[in-house]
C-alpha atoms as a PDB file:
ATOM      1  CA  MET A   1      17.466 -35.220  -8.689  1.00  0.00           C
ATOM      2  CA  LEU A   2      14.755 -37.439  -7.251  1.00  0.00           C
ATOM      3  CA  ASP A   3      12.030 -38.465  -9.937  1.00  0.00           C
ATOM      4  CA  VAL A   4       8.948 -40.614 -10.158  1.00  0.00           C
ATOM      5  CA  GLU A   5      10.764 -43.467 -11.547  1.00  0.00           C
ATOM      6  CA  GLN A   6      12.958 -43.798  -8.270  1.00  0.00           C
ATOM      7  CA  LEU A   7       9.859 -43.582  -5.934  1.00  0.00           C
ATOM      8  CA  LEU A   8       8.726 -46.778  -7.729  1.00  0.00           C
ATOM      9  CA  HIS A   9      11.725 -48.703  -6.737  1.00  0.00           C
ATOM     10  CA  MET A  10      11.855 -47.338  -3.259  1.00  0.00           C
ATOM     11  CA  THR A  11      10.676 -49.583  -0.305  1.00  0.00           C
ATOM     12  CA  GLN A  12       7.983 -48.803   1.824  1.00  0.00           C
ATOM     13  CA  ALA A  13      10.164 -48.076   4.578  1.00  0.00           C
ATOM     14  CA  GLN A  14      12.335 -45.741   2.400  1.00  0.00           C
ATOM     15  CA  LEU A  15       8.846 -43.896   1.122  1.00  0.00           C
ATOM     16  CA  ASP A  16       7.950 -43.160   4.935  1.00  0.00           C
ATOM     17  CA  ASP A  17      11.349 -41.834   5.673  1.00  0.00           C
ATOM     18  CA  LEU A  18      11.074 -39.501   2.648  1.00  0.00           C
ATOM     19  CA  PHE A  19       7.673 -38.612   3.586  1.00  0.00           C
ATOM     20  CA  ARG A  20       9.002 -37.698   7.334  1.00  0.00           C
ATOM     21  CA  ALA A  21      11.677 -35.747   6.117  1.00  0.00           C
ATOM     22  CA  SER A  22       9.947 -33.443   3.633  1.00  0.00           C
ATOM     23  CA  PRO A  23       8.342 -30.124   4.090  1.00  0.00           C
ATOM     24  CA  ALA A  24       4.845 -29.472   2.831  1.00  0.00           C
ATOM     25  CA  GLY A  25       5.917 -26.971   0.326  1.00  0.00           C
ATOM     26  CA  PRO A  26       3.533 -25.319  -1.721  1.00  0.00           C
ATOM     27  CA  ILE A  27       0.290 -26.164  -2.887  1.00  0.00           C
ATOM     28  CA  PRO A  28       0.381 -27.415  -6.567  1.00  0.00           C
ATOM     29  CA  GLN A  29      -1.244 -25.344  -9.136  1.00  0.00           C
ATOM     30  CA  GLY A  30      -2.756 -26.634 -12.279  1.00  0.00           C
ATOM     31  CA  ASP A  31      -2.653 -29.926 -14.014  1.00  0.00           C
ATOM     32  CA  VAL A  32      -0.214 -32.443 -12.193  1.00  0.00           C
ATOM     33  CA  ASP A  33       0.375 -36.018 -13.326  1.00  0.00           C
ATOM     34  CA  GLY A  34      -0.245 -38.893 -10.780  1.00  0.00           C
ATOM     35  CA  THR A  35       1.610 -42.223 -10.481  1.00  0.00           C
ATOM     36  CA  VAL A  36       0.117 -44.615  -7.851  1.00  0.00           C
ATOM     37  CA  LEU A  37       2.803 -46.553  -5.869  1.00  0.00           C
ATOM     38  CA  ILE A  38       1.549 -49.999  -5.524  1.00  0.00           C
ATOM     39  CA  ALA A  39       3.545 -52.768  -3.915  1.00  0.00           C
ATOM     40  CA  PRO A  40       6.736 -49.977  -3.891  1.00  0.00           C
ATOM     41  CA  GLY A  41      10.033 -51.601  -4.331  1.00  0.00           C
ATOM     42  CA  THR A  42       8.770 -54.626  -5.837  1.00  0.00           C
ATOM     43  CA  VAL A  43       8.650 -55.993  -9.489  1.00  0.00           C
ATOM     44  CA  LEU A  44       5.179 -55.280  -9.457  1.00  0.00           C
ATOM     45  CA  SER A  45       5.271 -51.724  -8.908  1.00  0.00           C
ATOM     46  CA  ASP A  46       6.031 -50.482 -12.611  1.00  0.00           C
ATOM     47  CA  THR A  47       3.246 -52.698 -14.170  1.00  0.00           C
ATOM     48  CA  ALA A  48       0.906 -51.694 -11.574  1.00  0.00           C
ATOM     49  CA  ALA A  49       1.493 -48.056 -11.980  1.00  0.00           C
ATOM     50  CA  ARG A  50       0.930 -48.122 -15.639  1.00  0.00           C
ATOM     51  CA  LEU A  51      -2.303 -50.048 -15.659  1.00  0.00           C
ATOM     52  CA  VAL A  52      -3.981 -47.814 -13.075  1.00  0.00           C
ATOM     53  CA  HIS A  53      -2.595 -44.898 -15.079  1.00  0.00           C
ATOM     54  CA  LEU A  54      -4.307 -46.246 -18.341  1.00  0.00           C
ATOM     55  CA  ILE A  55      -7.687 -47.365 -17.015  1.00  0.00           C
ATOM     56  CA  ALA A  56      -8.483 -45.300 -13.542  1.00  0.00           C
ATOM     57  CA  TRP A  57      -6.515 -42.375 -12.448  1.00  0.00           C
ATOM     58  CA  GLN A  58      -3.850 -40.258 -14.333  1.00  0.00           C
ATOM     59  CA  GLY A  59      -3.436 -37.221 -11.699  1.00  0.00           C
ATOM     60  CA  LYS A  60      -5.272 -33.789 -10.412  1.00  0.00           C
ATOM     61  CA  VAL A  61      -5.660 -30.518 -11.516  1.00  0.00           C
ATOM     62  CA  PHE A  62      -5.361 -28.078  -8.689  1.00  0.00           C
ATOM     63  CA  ASP A  63      -6.885 -24.562  -8.346  1.00  0.00           C
ATOM     64  CA  ALA A  64      -4.768 -23.234  -5.301  1.00  0.00           C
ATOM     65  CA  ALA A  65      -6.885 -19.912  -5.369  1.00  0.00           C
ATOM     66  CA  SER A  66     -10.276 -21.826  -4.595  1.00  0.00           C
ATOM     67  CA  GLY A  67      -8.493 -24.453  -2.429  1.00  0.00           C
ATOM     68  CA  THR A  68      -9.789 -27.234  -4.436  1.00  0.00           C
ATOM     69  CA  LEU A  69      -8.922 -30.041  -6.832  1.00  0.00           C
ATOM     70  CA  LYS A  70     -10.005 -32.298  -9.454  1.00  0.00           C
ATOM     71  CA  ASN A  71      -9.019 -35.817 -10.146  1.00  0.00           C
ATOM     72  CA  LYS A  72      -8.033 -37.011 -13.616  1.00  0.00           C
ATOM     73  CA  ILE A  73      -9.846 -40.458 -13.848  1.00  0.00           C
ATOM     74  CA  LEU A  74     -11.017 -42.952 -16.166  1.00  0.00           C
ATOM     75  CA  PRO A  75      -9.058 -43.464 -19.628  1.00  0.00           C
ATOM     76  CA  GLU A  76     -10.474 -40.102 -20.930  1.00  0.00           C
ATOM     77  CA  GLY A  77      -8.933 -38.390 -18.062  1.00  0.00           C
ATOM     78  CA  ASP A  78     -12.248 -36.744 -17.208  1.00  0.00           C
ATOM     79  CA  GLN A  79     -11.892 -34.425 -14.322  1.00  0.00           C
ATOM     80  CA  ALA A  80     -14.155 -35.462 -11.454  1.00  0.00           C
ATOM     81  CA  ILE A  81     -14.132 -36.068  -7.578  1.00  0.00           C
ATOM     82  CA  VAL A  82     -13.334 -32.905  -6.172  1.00  0.00           C
ATOM     83  CA  ALA A  83     -11.543 -32.428  -2.894  1.00  0.00           C
ATOM     84  CA  GLN A  84     -10.529 -29.459  -0.533  1.00  0.00           C
ATOM     85  CA  VAL A  85      -7.129 -28.368  -0.264  1.00  0.00           C
ATOM     86  CA  TYR A  86      -5.685 -27.121   2.795  1.00  0.00           C
ATOM     87  CA  ARG A  87      -2.373 -27.194   4.957  1.00  0.00           C
ATOM     88  CA  SER A  88      -2.808 -29.270   8.400  1.00  0.00           C
ATOM     89  CA  SER A  89      -1.200 -31.669  10.728  1.00  0.00           C
ATOM     90  CA  SER A  90      -0.454 -35.040   9.213  1.00  0.00           C
ATOM     91  CA  TRP A  91      -2.147 -38.134  10.499  1.00  0.00           C
ATOM     92  CA  PHE A  92       0.997 -39.633   9.520  1.00  0.00           C
ATOM     93  CA  ASP A  93       3.417 -38.183  11.863  1.00  0.00           C
ATOM     94  CA  GLY A  94       1.791 -34.734  13.001  1.00  0.00           C
ATOM     95  CA  LYS A  95       3.748 -32.575  10.942  1.00  0.00           C
ATOM     96  CA  GLU A  96       2.548 -30.025   8.490  1.00  0.00           C
ATOM     97  CA  CYS A  97       1.375 -31.435   5.074  1.00  0.00           C
ATOM     98  CA  ILE A  98      -0.966 -30.584   2.299  1.00  0.00           C
ATOM     99  CA  VAL A  99      -4.268 -32.199   3.119  1.00  0.00           C
ATOM    100  CA  LEU A 100      -6.536 -33.197   0.102  1.00  0.00           C
ATOM    101  CA  ASP A 101      -9.904 -33.837   2.030  1.00  0.00           C
ATOM    102  CA  TYR A 102     -12.727 -35.501   0.133  1.00  0.00           C
ATOM    103  CA  SER A 103     -15.178 -35.532   3.152  1.00  0.00           C
ATOM    104  CA  ARG A 104     -17.577 -32.640   2.382  1.00  0.00           C
ATOM    105  CA  THR A 105     -16.973 -32.720  -1.487  1.00  0.00           C
ATOM    106  CA  SER A 106     -17.471 -36.114  -2.816  1.00  0.00           C
ATOM    107  CA  LEU A 107     -20.235 -38.681  -2.501  1.00  0.00           C
ATOM    108  CA  VAL A 108     -17.936 -41.609  -3.822  1.00  0.00           C
ATOM    109  CA  ALA A 109     -14.731 -40.584  -1.955  1.00  0.00           C
ATOM    110  CA  HIS A 110     -15.942 -38.741   1.232  1.00  0.00           C
ATOM    111  CA  TRP A 111     -14.014 -41.350   3.408  1.00  0.00           C
ATOM    112  CA  ILE A 112     -10.489 -40.481   1.565  1.00  0.00           C
ATOM    113  CA  ARG A 113      -8.084 -38.135   2.761  1.00  0.00           C
ATOM    114  CA  ASP A 114      -4.675 -37.640   0.998  1.00  0.00           C
ATOM    115  CA  GLU A 115      -1.755 -36.039   2.351  1.00  0.00           C
ATOM    116  CA  ILE A 116       1.210 -34.706   0.151  1.00  0.00           C
ATOM    117  CA  ARG A 117       4.628 -33.271   0.773  1.00  0.00           C
ATOM    118  CA  LEU A 118       7.239 -31.837  -1.682  1.00  0.00           C
ATOM    119  CA  VAL A 119       9.930 -34.260  -1.983  1.00  0.00           C
ATOM    120  CA  ALA A 120      12.027 -32.601  -4.754  1.00  0.00           C
ATOM    121  CA  PRO A 121      11.249 -29.723  -7.010  1.00  0.00           C
ATOM    122  CA  GLY A 122       8.075 -30.397  -8.710  1.00  0.00           C
ATOM    123  CA  LEU A 123       7.577 -33.642  -7.147  1.00  0.00           C
ATOM    124  CA  TYR A 124       5.181 -34.421  -4.271  1.00  0.00           C
ATOM    125  CA  LEU A 125       4.827 -37.747  -2.389  1.00  0.00           C
ATOM    126  CA  GLY A 126       1.348 -38.712  -1.409  1.00  0.00           C
ATOM    127  CA  LEU A 127      -0.167 -40.943   1.337  1.00  0.00           C
ATOM    128  CA  VAL A 128      -3.987 -41.917   0.937  1.00  0.00           C
ATOM    129  CA  PHE A 129      -5.979 -42.585   4.038  1.00  0.00           C
ATOM    130  CA  TRP A 130      -9.337 -44.598   4.122  1.00  0.00           C
ATOM    131  CA  GLU A 131     -10.932 -43.207   7.268  1.00  0.00           C
ATOM    132  CA  ARG A 132      -8.013 -43.279   9.585  1.00  0.00           C
ATOM    133  CA  ASP A 133      -6.221 -46.271   7.590  1.00  0.00           C
ATOM    134  CA  ARG A 134      -3.386 -45.676   5.195  1.00  0.00           C
ATOM    135  CA  ILE A 135      -3.872 -47.784   2.276  1.00  0.00           C
ATOM    136  CA  LEU A 136      -1.633 -46.467  -0.364  1.00  0.00           C
ATOM    137  CA  ASP A 137       1.160 -43.955  -1.537  1.00  0.00           C
ATOM    138  CA  PHE A 138       0.971 -41.953  -4.792  1.00  0.00           C
ATOM    139  CA  ALA A 139       3.363 -39.277  -6.659  1.00  0.00           C
ATOM    140  CA  LEU A 140       2.435 -35.954  -8.020  1.00  0.00           C
ATOM    141  CA  ALA A 141       4.657 -34.519 -10.658  1.00  0.00           C
ATOM    142  CA  THR A 142       3.926 -30.874 -11.891  1.00  0.00           C
ATOM    143  CA  HIS A 143       5.154 -29.934 -15.443  1.00  0.00           C
ATOM    144  CA  SER A 144       8.154 -28.395 -13.970  1.00  0.00           C
ATOM    145  CA  GLN A 145       9.500 -31.918 -12.921  1.00  0.00           C
ATOM    146  CA  PRO A 146      11.567 -33.375 -15.596  1.00  0.00           C
ATOM    147  CA  PRO A 147      10.159 -36.602 -17.486  1.00  0.00           C
ATOM    148  CA  THR A 148      11.564 -39.887 -16.749  1.00  0.00           C
END
């Protein structure tokens, strides 16, 4: 079964193909662990992901009933930076995805839009857009995803 460690070692083209081939899946609920996929498929990927996780971003806490989430940020994992969560067409390929929209909920991230799709049980692959420019990928693992 696919896990976060395998995503870290995929190339950008492989991640793009995986996102294209995956369904939106259900909106996650509760606390999910996040991993930034920086320089995917290179020797920098593991180190960069660990560093970002330690000092900046650890994941998200979803409230599917209210259609919102909060990011877990800073070394303490403070819950901040709210987004609206809903289904819509992907800016990447036009197919359905789950959108994490900061445009109406955050002063510091109002230009950010994330899109996620379920790539394995308990594992989501996400794309980050700054306005309409794609800038980054990430993974979200629910607690049902086996640890790596």
